[in-house]
């Protein structure tokens, strides 16, 4: 019995290790290379506004939160 138990534990470890390796390879393969298609149409980072902005959904929250 002891020999079978050790073999099963080692088998699980090997299976999980191989599964993780295959998952990593699949993640790298599906991530794609280069720039996304929509990235060229975005303005440069310096031209984009930074900081806090009151967007329509935030303004709606502020209106509802007033007493």
N, C-alpha and C. Protein backbone atom coordinates (compact mmCIF):
# COMPACT_ATOMS: atom_id res chain seq x y z
N UNK A 1 0.80 -1.20 0.00
CA UNK A 1 0.00 0.00 0.00
C UNK A 1 0.85 1.27 0.00
N UNK A 2 1.92 1.28 0.76
CA UNK A 2 2.74 2.49 0.85
C UNK A 2 3.34 2.86 -0.50
N UNK A 3 3.75 1.89 -1.28
CA UNK A 3 4.33 2.16 -2.58
C UNK A 3 3.32 2.79 -3.53
N UNK A 4 2.08 2.35 -3.44
CA UNK A 4 1.04 2.90 -4.31
C UNK A 4 0.70 4.34 -3.92
N UNK A 5 0.69 4.61 -2.62
CA UNK A 5 0.35 5.95 -2.17
C UNK A 5 1.41 6.96 -2.63
N UNK A 6 2.68 6.60 -2.51
CA UNK A 6 3.75 7.49 -2.96
C UNK A 6 3.73 7.72 -4.46
N UNK A 7 3.39 6.69 -5.19
CA UNK A 7 3.34 6.80 -6.64
C UNK A 7 2.21 7.75 -7.06
N UNK A 8 1.08 7.66 -6.39
CA UNK A 8 -0.04 8.52 -6.71
C UNK A 8 0.30 9.98 -6.41
N UNK A 9 0.94 10.23 -5.28
CA UNK A 9 1.30 11.59 -4.92
C UNK A 9 2.28 12.17 -5.92
N UNK A 10 3.27 11.40 -6.32
CA UNK A 10 4.24 11.85 -7.31
C UNK A 10 3.55 12.08 -8.65
N UNK A 11 2.63 11.21 -9.00
CA UNK A 11 1.90 11.36 -10.25
C UNK A 11 1.08 12.64 -10.28
N UNK A 12 0.47 12.97 -9.16
CA UNK A 12 -0.30 14.22 -9.09
C UNK A 12 0.60 15.43 -9.24
N UNK A 13 1.73 15.37 -8.56
CA UNK A 13 2.66 16.50 -8.65
C UNK A 13 3.15 16.70 -10.07
N UNK A 14 3.49 15.62 -10.71
CA UNK A 14 3.96 15.72 -12.10
C UNK A 14 2.85 16.24 -13.00
N UNK A 15 1.63 15.76 -12.77
CA UNK A 15 0.50 16.23 -13.57
C UNK A 15 0.28 17.72 -13.40
N UNK A 16 0.28 18.19 -12.16
CA UNK A 16 0.07 19.62 -11.90
C UNK A 16 1.21 20.47 -12.44
N UNK A 17 2.44 19.97 -12.33
CA UNK A 17 3.58 20.69 -12.86
C UNK A 17 3.46 20.82 -14.38
N UNK A 18 3.11 19.74 -15.05
CA UNK A 18 2.94 19.77 -16.50
C UNK A 18 1.77 20.65 -16.91
N UNK A 19 0.72 20.62 -16.13
CA UNK A 19 -0.45 21.44 -16.42
C UNK A 19 -0.08 22.92 -16.32
N UNK A 20 0.68 23.29 -15.32
CA UNK A 20 1.12 24.68 -15.17
C UNK A 20 2.02 25.09 -16.32
N UNK A 21 2.89 24.21 -16.75
CA UNK A 21 3.78 24.53 -17.86
C UNK A 21 3.00 24.74 -19.15
N UNK A 22 2.03 23.89 -19.40
CA UNK A 22 1.21 24.02 -20.61
C UNK A 22 0.38 25.29 -20.54
N UNK A 23 -0.15 25.60 -19.36
CA UNK A 23 -0.94 26.83 -19.21
C UNK A 23 -0.11 28.06 -19.46
N UNK A 24 1.14 28.06 -19.00
CA UNK A 24 2.03 29.20 -19.25
C UNK A 24 2.33 29.37 -20.71
N UNK A 25 2.58 28.28 -21.39
CA UNK A 25 2.86 28.33 -22.83
C UNK A 25 1.63 28.83 -23.58
N UNK A 26 0.46 28.38 -23.18
CA UNK A 26 -0.78 28.82 -23.84
C UNK A 26 -1.02 30.30 -23.60
N UNK A 27 -0.73 30.79 -22.41
CA UNK A 27 -0.92 32.21 -22.12
C UNK A 27 0.00 33.08 -22.96
N UNK A 28 1.23 32.65 -23.11
CA UNK A 28 2.18 33.40 -23.92
C UNK A 28 1.77 33.37 -25.39
N UNK A 29 1.30 32.22 -25.85
CA UNK A 29 0.91 32.09 -27.26
C UNK A 29 -0.30 32.93 -27.59
N UNK A 30 -1.26 33.05 -26.69
CA UNK A 30 -2.47 33.80 -26.97
C UNK A 30 -2.33 35.27 -26.70
N UNK A 31 -1.27 35.69 -26.01
CA UNK A 31 -1.12 37.11 -25.68
C UNK A 31 -0.83 37.94 -26.93
N UNK A 32 -0.34 37.33 -27.95
CA UNK A 32 -0.08 38.04 -29.19
C UNK A 32 1.21 38.84 -29.10
N UNK A 33 1.68 39.25 -30.21
CA UNK A 33 2.92 40.02 -30.24
C UNK A 33 2.64 41.40 -30.81
N UNK A 34 3.39 42.35 -30.36
CA UNK A 34 3.26 43.70 -30.90
C UNK A 34 2.16 44.49 -30.24
N UNK A 35 1.77 45.54 -30.92
CA UNK A 35 0.80 46.49 -30.41
C UNK A 35 -0.61 46.09 -30.81
N UNK A 36 -1.60 46.29 -29.95
CA UNK A 36 -2.98 46.03 -30.34
C UNK A 36 -3.40 46.96 -31.47
N UNK A 37 -4.40 46.56 -32.21
CA UNK A 37 -4.82 47.35 -33.38
C UNK A 37 -5.31 48.74 -32.99
N UNK A 38 -6.03 48.86 -31.90
CA UNK A 38 -6.59 50.14 -31.49
C UNK A 38 -5.58 51.08 -30.86
N UNK A 39 -4.41 50.61 -30.55
CA UNK A 39 -3.41 51.43 -29.87
C UNK A 39 -2.91 52.56 -30.76
N UNK A 40 -2.88 52.38 -32.05
CA UNK A 40 -2.38 53.42 -32.95
C UNK A 40 -3.33 54.61 -32.99
N UNK A 41 -4.61 54.41 -32.75
CA UNK A 41 -5.57 55.50 -32.83
C UNK A 41 -5.65 56.30 -31.53
N UNK A 42 -5.04 55.81 -30.44
CA UNK A 42 -5.06 56.53 -29.18
C UNK A 42 -4.03 57.65 -29.21
N UNK A 43 -4.35 58.78 -28.57
CA UNK A 43 -3.37 59.87 -28.53
C UNK A 43 -2.19 59.48 -27.64
N UNK A 44 -1.07 60.15 -27.80
CA UNK A 44 0.09 59.85 -26.95
C UNK A 44 -0.25 60.09 -25.48
N UNK A 45 0.49 59.44 -24.60
CA UNK A 45 0.21 59.53 -23.16
C UNK A 45 0.26 60.96 -22.65
N UNK A 46 1.14 61.79 -23.19
CA UNK A 46 1.26 63.17 -22.73
C UNK A 46 0.03 63.99 -23.08
N UNK A 47 -0.68 63.66 -24.15
CA UNK A 47 -1.84 64.42 -24.58
C UNK A 47 -3.11 64.03 -23.83
N UNK A 48 -3.12 62.85 -23.23
CA UNK A 48 -4.30 62.40 -22.51
C UNK A 48 -4.43 63.17 -21.20
N UNK A 49 -5.65 63.56 -20.83
CA UNK A 49 -5.83 64.27 -19.55
C UNK A 49 -5.53 63.33 -18.38
N UNK A 50 -4.97 63.89 -17.35
CA UNK A 50 -4.62 63.11 -16.17
C UNK A 50 -5.35 63.67 -14.96
N UNK A 51 -5.40 62.87 -13.93
CA UNK A 51 -5.99 63.33 -12.69
C UNK A 51 -7.47 62.99 -12.60
N UNK A 52 -8.11 63.61 -11.61
CA UNK A 52 -9.51 63.32 -11.32
C UNK A 52 -10.42 64.03 -12.31
N UNK A 53 -11.38 63.28 -12.84
CA UNK A 53 -12.37 63.85 -13.76
C UNK A 53 -13.75 63.45 -13.29
N UNK A 54 -14.68 64.40 -13.33
CA UNK A 54 -16.06 64.09 -12.97
C UNK A 54 -16.75 63.61 -14.25
N UNK A 55 -16.93 62.30 -14.32
CA UNK A 55 -17.59 61.69 -15.46
C UNK A 55 -19.10 61.69 -15.21
N UNK A 56 -19.91 61.42 -16.23
CA UNK A 56 -21.36 61.46 -16.04
C UNK A 56 -21.87 60.56 -14.92
N UNK A 57 -21.32 59.36 -14.78
CA UNK A 57 -21.83 58.49 -13.72
C UNK A 57 -21.41 58.99 -12.33
N UNK A 58 -20.27 59.67 -12.23
CA UNK A 58 -19.85 60.24 -10.95
C UNK A 58 -20.73 61.44 -10.62
N UNK A 59 -21.03 62.26 -11.61
CA UNK A 59 -21.90 63.41 -11.39
C UNK A 59 -23.28 62.95 -10.94
N UNK A 60 -23.78 61.87 -11.52
CA UNK A 60 -25.08 61.33 -11.11
C UNK A 60 -25.04 60.89 -9.65
N UNK A 61 -23.95 60.27 -9.22
CA UNK A 61 -23.80 59.84 -7.83
C UNK A 61 -23.80 61.05 -6.92
N UNK A 62 -23.05 62.10 -7.29
CA UNK A 62 -22.99 63.31 -6.47
C UNK A 62 -24.38 63.92 -6.33
N UNK A 63 -25.14 63.94 -7.43
CA UNK A 63 -26.50 64.50 -7.37
C UNK A 63 -27.38 63.72 -6.40
N UNK A 64 -27.28 62.42 -6.40
CA UNK A 64 -28.10 61.58 -5.53
C UNK A 64 -27.64 61.65 -4.08
N UNK A 65 -26.36 61.93 -3.85
CA UNK A 65 -25.80 61.94 -2.50
C UNK A 65 -26.06 63.25 -1.77
N UNK A 66 -26.47 64.27 -2.48
CA UNK A 66 -26.75 65.56 -1.83
C UNK A 66 -27.96 65.46 -0.91
N UNK A 67 -27.87 66.20 0.17
CA UNK A 67 -29.00 66.18 1.14
C UNK A 67 -29.88 67.38 0.91
